[in-house]
């Protein structure tokens, strides 16, 4: 046993009080007879049960809310969302280039390669009950609940490993642990990672990262060598799962070294040695990103291009402008943590180009002041265990948020779900601030001393109420996008999505002006153009649909080769009874993807109208083979086979 842990009972009892509170230091973990798992289970069952109840009450009633936005894009209509896609490891290059050949978004393949663990869970949900949102959302709620419990467990584990000379009362340890976990569970900023199904990416990466952290620090205090090895192995497995769930887990191993060094008081070399298996996981994400980027660019390894892997719009953001803008975004995130009003699924945000612009400079000063305050607390109160934890918590926030708010430029300036993993640090920091206020009040003022815990309770209740009200907005697609349109009136995508929702409800006449407004705001908005064209087709205005589609193609050569544009052109020609041109469009689609059920169905319709019933029946049969759930194709095929049995038999 090291000298550090040979602390006499007399010396421990003489530890000084912190801010007027009688010190009751938590002992460091040593050779204890009782397993840490049993001790944690016995001591903290009530707290974790309360967290489970809180999360269940806040989210259980949302399980049947519809899928929205990227739920459709990355799950329902994603051409790579199927079992065979997991074989990409055997044909990496072909899989990475597949979207370009199919005329779809390259991010489909990029997303799948970087996040296969999350997609595996989505596929499991699909096998359970198709695209019924219930079980997808039950999974998300379970993950969020686990994250709250893991935060509590992680803090409890850390407080049991405080070094000699750094004390913390049991009441402070309990207060910080339960307050941080409860604030995290109740905060409405988590909605985009729970109610929003596809953003399981963010909640699941947080779960695996926290699990890796818990197992890592438990291993550091394990009694037997065998237990330590199993715990470290579990930590590495969780970290690998995190890194194959979302890229934001990349800096977590380095943060665990920082926590072990500063909070647990281990030497830096010892902390690095303990975390070496986790640190060796870190190259996985950069290697995958660089490999995908090299394949897409066809020019070999280019680190600069690799960082732009998802910034592939027609007018990509300059990296410096993105960095400057993100200073203002991060301050806005902090404001939402304190006062979560104005939450928005698709917010609009101005782009800034210089540090000397007012909002950027002001944001920089706020972030600098926050960093300086926590650093001063850390340097001046080294014997207070909360100071090191506060500094590490702030580092956790800044480092994890930097992946999406600095290192890798993203097409959208801000999104609430990006704060889910970073929010762990902020919730701990807020809890430490409240506990510091509590212990600063003299023990002779018991009523006043209870005010911080009372305030924390009120905050949790207020946040829980705000979460319920915000969740209500997610009840229908129309209410969600109406809310976004009200808050982001100058964002074209909001109007396009609101129009799509109303169109899907069967009201194309009401959707038309919404699509036109979206295109007015962004003339290159291809989804808006396609949706408007298809609404016009459903309203039997094919010439207008054709003109709009051809105009879009004339403005973008890339659009001419995209399957949705080719399909829309084919439908327009079909309604105009220009059958030769329609057949040509659908044949072009089948050359790109021979297993496209919509193309087979459409060309089957062309052959039916041109009285080539044998060809029509052949394509209808093929469409039904690919998509047996298409009842319209089944009905059309049965009618053709009954009416033209010779063609069917041939």
Foldseek 3Di string as FASTA:
>chain_A
DDPQLPDDPVNQCPFDDDQQDRFDFAAAFAQDPDQPVVVCCVPCVVLLVVLLVLLCVLQVVLLQFAADDCCCVQAVPLPLLDDVNVCCVVVVLCLQCLCVLQLHDSVNSVVCQFAVLLSVVVVVVCVVPNRRSNVLLVVLSVLQSLLLVLQLLLLVLLSNQATPLAGDHPVLSVLLSSLLSLLLSLFLLCCCCRSNRVNVLLSLLLNLLSQLLSLLSSLVSDNDPVSNVVSNVSSLVSLLNSRNSDPLSLCSLVLSLLCCCQLNVDPSVVSCVSSVSSNVSNVPNVVSLQVSQCSVVVPHGDPVSSLASAQDDPDGDDQQQLLLQLLLVVVVLVVCSVPVPPAAQAADGDTDRDCPPDSSVVSVVVVVVVLVVLVCQCVPPVSHSLSSLLNSLVVQLVSSLCSDRHRHDHPGSDGSSSCSSNVSSVSSNVSSVLVSVLSNDHPVCVVVSCVSVVVSVVSSVVSNVVSNVVSVCSNHQLSNLVSNCVNHVLALVSLLSNLVRVVVVVCLVVSLVSLVSSCVSPVLPVSSLLSNLVSCVVVLNLVVSLVSLVVNCVVPVSSVLRLSSLQSNLSSCVSVVVLVSNLVSLVSSCVSPVQDLVSLQSNLVSCVVVVVLLSSLVSLVSSCVSPVVPVVSVVVNVVSCVVCVVSVVD
